[in-house]
Amino acid sequence: MTPAIYTRYTKIVLDAITDAKLKINKYKRNFMFEIFMLYLSIPDRINFLQSGRYSRSGEQRFGSCPV
């Protein structure tokens, strides 16, 4: 993704999370943000291995599913 599109998606996702009026802590908010951004940026199948490959975290983080 180009930086302009990435910043636009970042703003949209963060606004959606904050507008949901849910009481979630910072860890879960960051996890949800990362999941949404990965969903938008992974070109092929979306699974734990691909999530770990395209993010800064390992695939174990997505397999444990803290949300």
PDB file of N, CA and C in Angstrom:
ATOM      1  N   MET A   1       0.842  -1.186   0.000  1.00  0.00           N
ATOM      2  CA  MET A   1       0.000   0.000   0.000  1.00  0.00           C
ATOM      3  C   MET A   1       0.883   1.244   0.000  1.00  0.00           C
ATOM      4  N   THR A   2       0.395   2.270  -0.628  1.00  0.00           N
ATOM      5  CA  THR A   2       1.123   3.527  -0.611  1.00  0.00           C
ATOM      6  C   THR A   2       0.903   4.208   0.738  1.00  0.00           C
ATOM      7  N   PRO A   3       1.818   5.068   1.144  1.00  0.00           N
ATOM      8  CA  PRO A   3       1.676   5.726   2.451  1.00  0.00           C
ATOM      9  C   PRO A   3       0.398   6.545   2.600  1.00  0.00           C
ATOM     10  N   ALA A   4      -0.071   7.183   1.538  1.00  0.00           N
ATOM     11  CA  ALA A   4      -1.289   7.992   1.641  1.00  0.00           C
ATOM     12  C   ALA A   4      -2.510   7.120   1.909  1.00  0.00           C
ATOM     13  N   ILE A   5      -2.593   5.993   1.223  1.00  0.00           N
ATOM     14  CA  ILE A   5      -3.714   5.077   1.449  1.00  0.00           C
ATOM     15  C   ILE A   5      -3.608   4.462   2.841  1.00  0.00           C
ATOM     16  N   TYR A   6      -2.400   4.120   3.246  1.00  0.00           N
ATOM     17  CA  TYR A   6      -2.199   3.530   4.571  1.00  0.00           C
ATOM     18  C   TYR A   6      -2.630   4.491   5.672  1.00  0.00           C
ATOM     19  N   THR A   7      -2.287   5.764   5.553  1.00  0.00           N
ATOM     20  CA  THR A   7      -2.692   6.729   6.581  1.00  0.00           C
ATOM     21  C   THR A   7      -4.202   6.948   6.570  1.00  0.00           C
ATOM     22  N   ARG A   8      -4.813   6.898   5.395  1.00  0.00           N
ATOM     23  CA  ARG A   8      -6.268   7.042   5.317  1.00  0.00           C
ATOM     24  C   ARG A   8      -6.963   5.845   5.979  1.00  0.00           C
ATOM     25  N   TYR A   9      -6.505   4.632   5.679  1.00  0.00           N
ATOM     26  CA  TYR A   9      -7.063   3.440   6.318  1.00  0.00           C
ATOM     27  C   TYR A   9      -6.824   3.453   7.819  1.00  0.00           C
ATOM     28  N   THR A  10      -5.651   3.928   8.234  1.00  0.00           N
ATOM     29  CA  THR A  10      -5.342   4.009   9.659  1.00  0.00           C
ATOM     30  C   THR A  10      -6.338   4.905  10.369  1.00  0.00           C
ATOM     31  N   LYS A  11      -6.616   6.047   9.792  1.00  0.00           N
ATOM     32  CA  LYS A  11      -7.579   6.970  10.409  1.00  0.00           C
ATOM     33  C   LYS A  11      -8.973   6.368  10.460  1.00  0.00           C
ATOM     34  N   ILE A  12      -9.386   5.711   9.389  1.00  0.00           N
ATOM     35  CA  ILE A  12     -10.722   5.105   9.343  1.00  0.00           C
ATOM     36  C   ILE A  12     -10.855   4.000  10.388  1.00  0.00           C
ATOM     37  N   VAL A  13      -9.857   3.156  10.491  1.00  0.00           N
ATOM     38  CA  VAL A  13      -9.918   2.047  11.448  1.00  0.00           C
ATOM     39  C   VAL A  13      -9.894   2.552  12.877  1.00  0.00           C
ATOM     40  N   LEU A  14      -9.026   3.506  13.173  1.00  0.00           N
ATOM     41  CA  LEU A  14      -8.968   4.037  14.540  1.00  0.00           C
ATOM     42  C   LEU A  14     -10.254   4.769  14.906  1.00  0.00           C
ATOM     43  N   ASP A  15     -10.833   5.492  13.960  1.00  0.00           N
ATOM     44  CA  ASP A  15     -12.117   6.156  14.222  1.00  0.00           C
ATOM     45  C   ASP A  15     -13.227   5.140  14.479  1.00  0.00           C
ATOM     46  N   ALA A  16     -13.220   4.059  13.732  1.00  0.00           N
ATOM     47  CA  ALA A  16     -14.246   3.026  13.924  1.00  0.00           C
ATOM     48  C   ALA A  16     -14.110   2.366  15.291  1.00  0.00           C
ATOM     49  N   ILE A  17     -12.896   2.124  15.724  1.00  0.00           N
ATOM     50  CA  ILE A  17     -12.683   1.494  17.031  1.00  0.00           C
ATOM     51  C   ILE A  17     -13.091   2.436  18.150  1.00  0.00           C
ATOM     52  N   THR A  18     -12.754   3.709  18.033  1.00  0.00           N
ATOM     53  CA  THR A  18     -13.095   4.650  19.101  1.00  0.00           C
ATOM     54  C   THR A  18     -14.579   5.015  19.084  1.00  0.00           C
ATOM     55  N   ASP A  19     -15.211   5.023  17.915  1.00  0.00           N
ATOM     56  CA  ASP A  19     -16.641   5.343  17.828  1.00  0.00           C
ATOM     57  C   ASP A  19     -17.532   4.194  18.294  1.00  0.00           C
ATOM     58  N   ALA A  20     -16.972   3.019  18.456  1.00  0.00           N
ATOM     59  CA  ALA A  20     -17.771   1.861  18.861  1.00  0.00           C
ATOM     60  C   ALA A  20     -18.212   1.959  20.319  1.00  0.00           C
ATOM     61  N   LYS A  21     -17.647   2.870  21.073  1.00  0.00           N
ATOM     62  CA  LYS A  21     -18.008   3.110  22.476  1.00  0.00           C
ATOM     63  C   LYS A  21     -17.835   1.860  23.345  1.00  0.00           C
ATOM     64  N   LEU A  22     -16.886   1.023  22.967  1.00  0.00           N
ATOM     65  CA  LEU A  22     -16.598  -0.158  23.765  1.00  0.00           C
ATOM     66  C   LEU A  22     -15.488   0.157  24.752  1.00  0.00           C
ATOM     67  N   LYS A  23     -15.574  -0.441  25.912  1.00  0.00           N
ATOM     68  CA  LYS A  23     -14.502  -0.277  26.883  1.00  0.00           C
ATOM     69  C   LYS A  23     -13.492  -1.391  26.641  1.00  0.00           C
ATOM     70  N   ILE A  24     -12.476  -1.067  25.875  1.00  0.00           N
ATOM     71  CA  ILE A  24     -11.408  -2.034  25.638  1.00  0.00           C
ATOM     72  C   ILE A  24     -10.094  -1.398  26.050  1.00  0.00           C
ATOM     73  N   ASN A  25      -9.203  -2.228  26.543  1.00  0.00           N
ATOM     74  CA  ASN A  25      -7.919  -1.690  26.972  1.00  0.00           C
ATOM     75  C   ASN A  25      -6.993  -1.466  25.767  1.00  0.00           C
ATOM     76  N   LYS A  26      -5.855  -0.891  26.028  1.00  0.00           N
ATOM     77  CA  LYS A  26      -4.930  -0.497  24.967  1.00  0.00           C
ATOM     78  C   LYS A  26      -4.418  -1.711  24.189  1.00  0.00           C
ATOM     79  N   TYR A  27      -4.166  -2.816  24.894  1.00  0.00           N
ATOM     80  CA  TYR A  27      -3.660  -4.021  24.240  1.00  0.00           C
ATOM     81  C   TYR A  27      -4.670  -4.550  23.225  1.00  0.00           C
ATOM     82  N   LYS A  28      -5.919  -4.656  23.611  1.00  0.00           N
ATOM     83  CA  LYS A  28      -6.942  -5.171  22.710  1.00  0.00           C
ATOM     84  C   LYS A  28      -7.220  -4.205  21.565  1.00  0.00           C
ATOM     85  N   ARG A  29      -7.162  -2.895  21.853  1.00  0.00           N
ATOM     86  CA  ARG A  29      -7.362  -1.904  20.797  1.00  0.00           C
ATOM     87  C   ARG A  29      -6.258  -2.020  19.748  1.00  0.00           C
ATOM     88  N   ASN A  30      -5.011  -2.159  20.195  1.00  0.00           N
ATOM     89  CA  ASN A  30      -3.894  -2.300  19.261  1.00  0.00           C
ATOM     90  C   ASN A  30      -3.993  -3.604  18.471  1.00  0.00           C
ATOM     91  N   PHE A  31      -4.445  -4.674  19.146  1.00  0.00           N
ATOM     92  CA  PHE A  31      -4.603  -5.957  18.466  1.00  0.00           C
ATOM     93  C   PHE A  31      -5.676  -5.862  17.379  1.00  0.00           C
ATOM     94  N   MET A  32      -6.801  -5.257  17.702  1.00  0.00           N
ATOM     95  CA  MET A  32      -7.868  -5.096  16.715  1.00  0.00           C
ATOM     96  C   MET A  32      -7.408  -4.235  15.539  1.00  0.00           C
ATOM     97  N   PHE A  33      -6.670  -3.176  15.841  1.00  0.00           N
ATOM     98  CA  PHE A  33      -6.143  -2.314  14.791  1.00  0.00           C
ATOM     99  C   PHE A  33      -5.219  -3.102  13.865  1.00  0.00           C
ATOM    100  N   GLU A  34      -4.361  -3.915  14.452  1.00  0.00           N
ATOM    101  CA  GLU A  34      -3.426  -4.697  13.651  1.00  0.00           C
ATOM    102  C   GLU A  34      -4.169  -5.726  12.787  1.00  0.00           C
ATOM    103  N   ILE A  35      -5.189  -6.359  13.343  1.00  0.00           N
ATOM    104  CA  ILE A  35      -5.973  -7.332  12.579  1.00  0.00           C
ATOM    105  C   ILE A  35      -6.667  -6.656  11.393  1.00  0.00           C
ATOM    106  N   PHE A  36      -7.289  -5.509  11.624  1.00  0.00           N
ATOM    107  CA  PHE A  36      -7.974  -4.814  10.530  1.00  0.00           C
ATOM    108  C   PHE A  36      -6.996  -4.386   9.440  1.00  0.00           C
ATOM    109  N   MET A  37      -5.834  -3.886   9.826  1.00  0.00           N
ATOM    110  CA  MET A  37      -4.860  -3.447   8.833  1.00  0.00           C
ATOM    111  C   MET A  37      -4.290  -4.639   8.066  1.00  0.00           C
ATOM    112  N   LEU A  38      -4.100  -5.770   8.743  1.00  0.00           N
ATOM    113  CA  LEU A  38      -3.628  -6.957   8.044  1.00  0.00           C
ATOM    114  C   LEU A  38      -4.678  -7.464   7.060  1.00  0.00           C
ATOM    115  N   TYR A  39      -5.935  -7.398   7.451  1.00  0.00           N
ATOM    116  CA  TYR A  39      -7.007  -7.842   6.579  1.00  0.00           C
ATOM    117  C   TYR A  39      -7.035  -7.009   5.288  1.00  0.00           C
ATOM    118  N   LEU A  40      -6.717  -5.745   5.399  1.00  0.00           N
ATOM    119  CA  LEU A  40      -6.706  -4.884   4.226  1.00  0.00           C
ATOM    120  C   LEU A  40      -5.454  -5.054   3.370  1.00  0.00           C
ATOM    121  N   SER A  41      -4.358  -5.536   3.962  1.00  0.00           N
ATOM    122  CA  SER A  41      -3.103  -5.535   3.227  1.00  0.00           C
ATOM    123  C   SER A  41      -2.621  -6.901   2.755  1.00  0.00           C
ATOM    124  N   ILE A  42      -3.150  -7.999   3.292  1.00  0.00           N
ATOM    125  CA  ILE A  42      -2.691  -9.326   2.873  1.00  0.00           C
ATOM    126  C   ILE A  42      -3.366  -9.680   1.546  1.00  0.00           C
ATOM    127  N   PRO A  43      -2.567  -9.991   0.517  1.00  0.00           N
ATOM    128  CA  PRO A  43      -3.157 -10.223  -0.802  1.00  0.00           C
ATOM    129  C   PRO A  43      -3.818 -11.598  -0.972  1.00  0.00           C
ATOM    130  N   ASP A  44      -3.338 -12.620  -0.284  1.00  0.00           N
ATOM    131  CA  ASP A  44      -3.851 -13.972  -0.498  1.00  0.00           C
ATOM    132  C   ASP A  44      -4.726 -14.416   0.670  1.00  0.00           C
ATOM    133  N   ARG A  45      -4.644 -15.679   0.980  1.00  0.00           N
ATOM    134  CA  ARG A  45      -5.405 -16.230   2.094  1.00  0.00           C
ATOM    135  C   ARG A  45      -4.977 -15.579   3.399  1.00  0.00           C
ATOM    136  N   ILE A  46      -5.929 -15.402   4.288  1.00  0.00           N
ATOM    137  CA  ILE A  46      -5.628 -14.802   5.582  1.00  0.00           C
ATOM    138  C   ILE A  46      -5.705 -15.905   6.622  1.00  0.00           C
ATOM    139  N   ASN A  47      -4.552 -16.283   7.157  1.00  0.00           N
ATOM    140  CA  ASN A  47      -4.486 -17.274   8.213  1.00  0.00           C
ATOM    141  C   ASN A  47      -3.406 -16.850   9.197  1.00  0.00           C
ATOM    142  N   PHE A  48      -3.156 -17.675  10.211  1.00  0.00           N
ATOM    143  CA  PHE A  48      -2.192 -17.293  11.243  1.00  0.00           C
ATOM    144  C   PHE A  48      -0.788 -17.121  10.667  1.00  0.00           C
ATOM    145  N   LEU A  49      -0.393 -18.003   9.768  1.00  0.00           N
ATOM    146  CA  LEU A  49       0.943 -17.925   9.182  1.00  0.00           C
ATOM    147  C   LEU A  49       1.117 -16.643   8.382  1.00  0.00           C
ATOM    148  N   GLN A  50       0.144 -16.307   7.545  1.00  0.00           N
ATOM    149  CA  GLN A  50       0.230 -15.078   6.760  1.00  0.00           C
ATOM    150  C   GLN A  50       0.174 -13.846   7.661  1.00  0.00           C
ATOM    151  N   SER A  51      -0.642 -13.886   8.703  1.00  0.00           N
ATOM    152  CA  SER A  51      -0.714 -12.759   9.631  1.00  0.00           C
ATOM    153  C   SER A  51       0.632 -12.537  10.303  1.00  0.00           C
ATOM    154  N   GLY A  52       1.278 -13.619  10.698  1.00  0.00           N
ATOM    155  CA  GLY A  52       2.599 -13.505  11.296  1.00  0.00           C
ATOM    156  C   GLY A  52       3.648 -13.025  10.313  1.00  0.00           C
ATOM    157  N   ARG A  53       3.495 -13.409   9.061  1.00  0.00           N
ATOM    158  CA  ARG A  53       4.472 -13.019   8.043  1.00  0.00           C
ATOM    159  C   ARG A  53       4.385 -11.535   7.703  1.00  0.00           C
ATOM    160  N   TYR A  54       3.175 -10.988   7.650  1.00  0.00           N
ATOM    161  CA  TYR A  54       2.984  -9.603   7.227  1.00  0.00           C
ATOM    162  C   TYR A  54       2.962  -8.605   8.387  1.00  0.00           C
ATOM    163  N   SER A  55       3.068  -9.067   9.619  1.00  0.00           N
ATOM    164  CA  SER A  55       3.036  -8.140  10.745  1.00  0.00           C
ATOM    165  C   SER A  55       4.372  -8.157  11.473  1.00  0.00           C
ATOM    166  N   ARG A  56       4.461  -7.328  12.490  1.00  0.00           N
ATOM    167  CA  ARG A  56       5.666  -7.301  13.309  1.00  0.00           C
ATOM    168  C   ARG A  56       5.652  -8.394  14.367  1.00  0.00           C
ATOM    169  N   SER A  57       4.509  -8.989  14.601  1.00  0.00           N
ATOM    170  CA  SER A  57       4.364 -10.032  15.610  1.00  0.00           C
ATOM    171  C   SER A  57       4.459 -11.410  14.960  1.00  0.00           C
ATOM    172  N   GLY A  58       4.621 -12.420  15.790  1.00  0.00           N
ATOM    173  CA  GLY A  58       4.671 -13.781  15.287  1.00  0.00           C
ATOM    174  C   GLY A  58       3.278 -14.364  15.136  1.00  0.00           C
ATOM    175  N   GLU A  59       3.211 -15.537  14.515  1.00  0.00           N
ATOM    176  CA  GLU A  59       1.903 -16.149  14.283  1.00  0.00           C
ATOM    177  C   GLU A  59       1.264 -16.642  15.586  1.00  0.00           C
ATOM    178  N   GLN A  60       2.039 -16.846  16.656  1.00  0.00           N
ATOM    179  CA  GLN A  60       1.489 -17.278  17.926  1.00  0.00           C
ATOM    180  C   GLN A  60       0.560 -16.235  18.521  1.00  0.00           C
ATOM    181  N   ARG A  61       0.827 -14.971  18.265  1.00  0.00           N
ATOM    182  CA  ARG A  61      -0.033 -13.904  18.793  1.00  0.00           C
ATOM    183  C   ARG A  61      -1.436 -13.995  18.212  1.00  0.00           C
ATOM    184  N   PHE A  62      -1.537 -14.336  16.967  1.00  0.00           N
ATOM    185  CA  PHE A  62      -2.836 -14.413  16.316  1.00  0.00           C
ATOM    186  C   PHE A  62      -3.546 -15.717  16.619  1.00  0.00           C
ATOM    187  N   GLY A  63      -2.789 -16.745  16.905  1.00  0.00           N
ATOM    188  CA  GLY A  63      -3.395 -18.028  17.251  1.00  0.00           C
ATOM    189  C   GLY A  63      -3.990 -18.043  18.640  1.00  0.00           C
ATOM    190  N   SER A  64      -3.455 -17.227  19.543  1.00  0.00           N
ATOM    191  CA  SER A  64      -3.977 -17.212  20.903  1.00  0.00           C
ATOM    192  C   SER A  64      -5.259 -16.398  21.002  1.00  0.00           C
ATOM    193  N   CYS A  65      -5.472 -15.460  20.098  1.00  0.00           N
ATOM    194  CA  CYS A  65      -6.702 -14.681  19.964  1.00  0.00           C
ATOM    195  C   CYS A  65      -7.172 -14.067  21.283  1.00  0.00           C
ATOM    196  N   PRO A  66      -6.549 -12.971  21.742  1.00  0.00           N
ATOM    197  CA  PRO A  66      -6.900 -12.373  23.035  1.00  0.00           C
ATOM    198  C   PRO A  66      -8.234 -11.659  23.061  1.00  0.00           C
ATOM    199  N   VAL A  67      -8.852 -11.419  21.911  1.00  0.00           N
ATOM    200  CA  VAL A  67     -10.114 -10.676  21.896  1.00  0.00           C
ATOM    201  C   VAL A  67     -11.277 -11.594  22.122  1.00  0.00           C
TER     202      VAL A  67
END
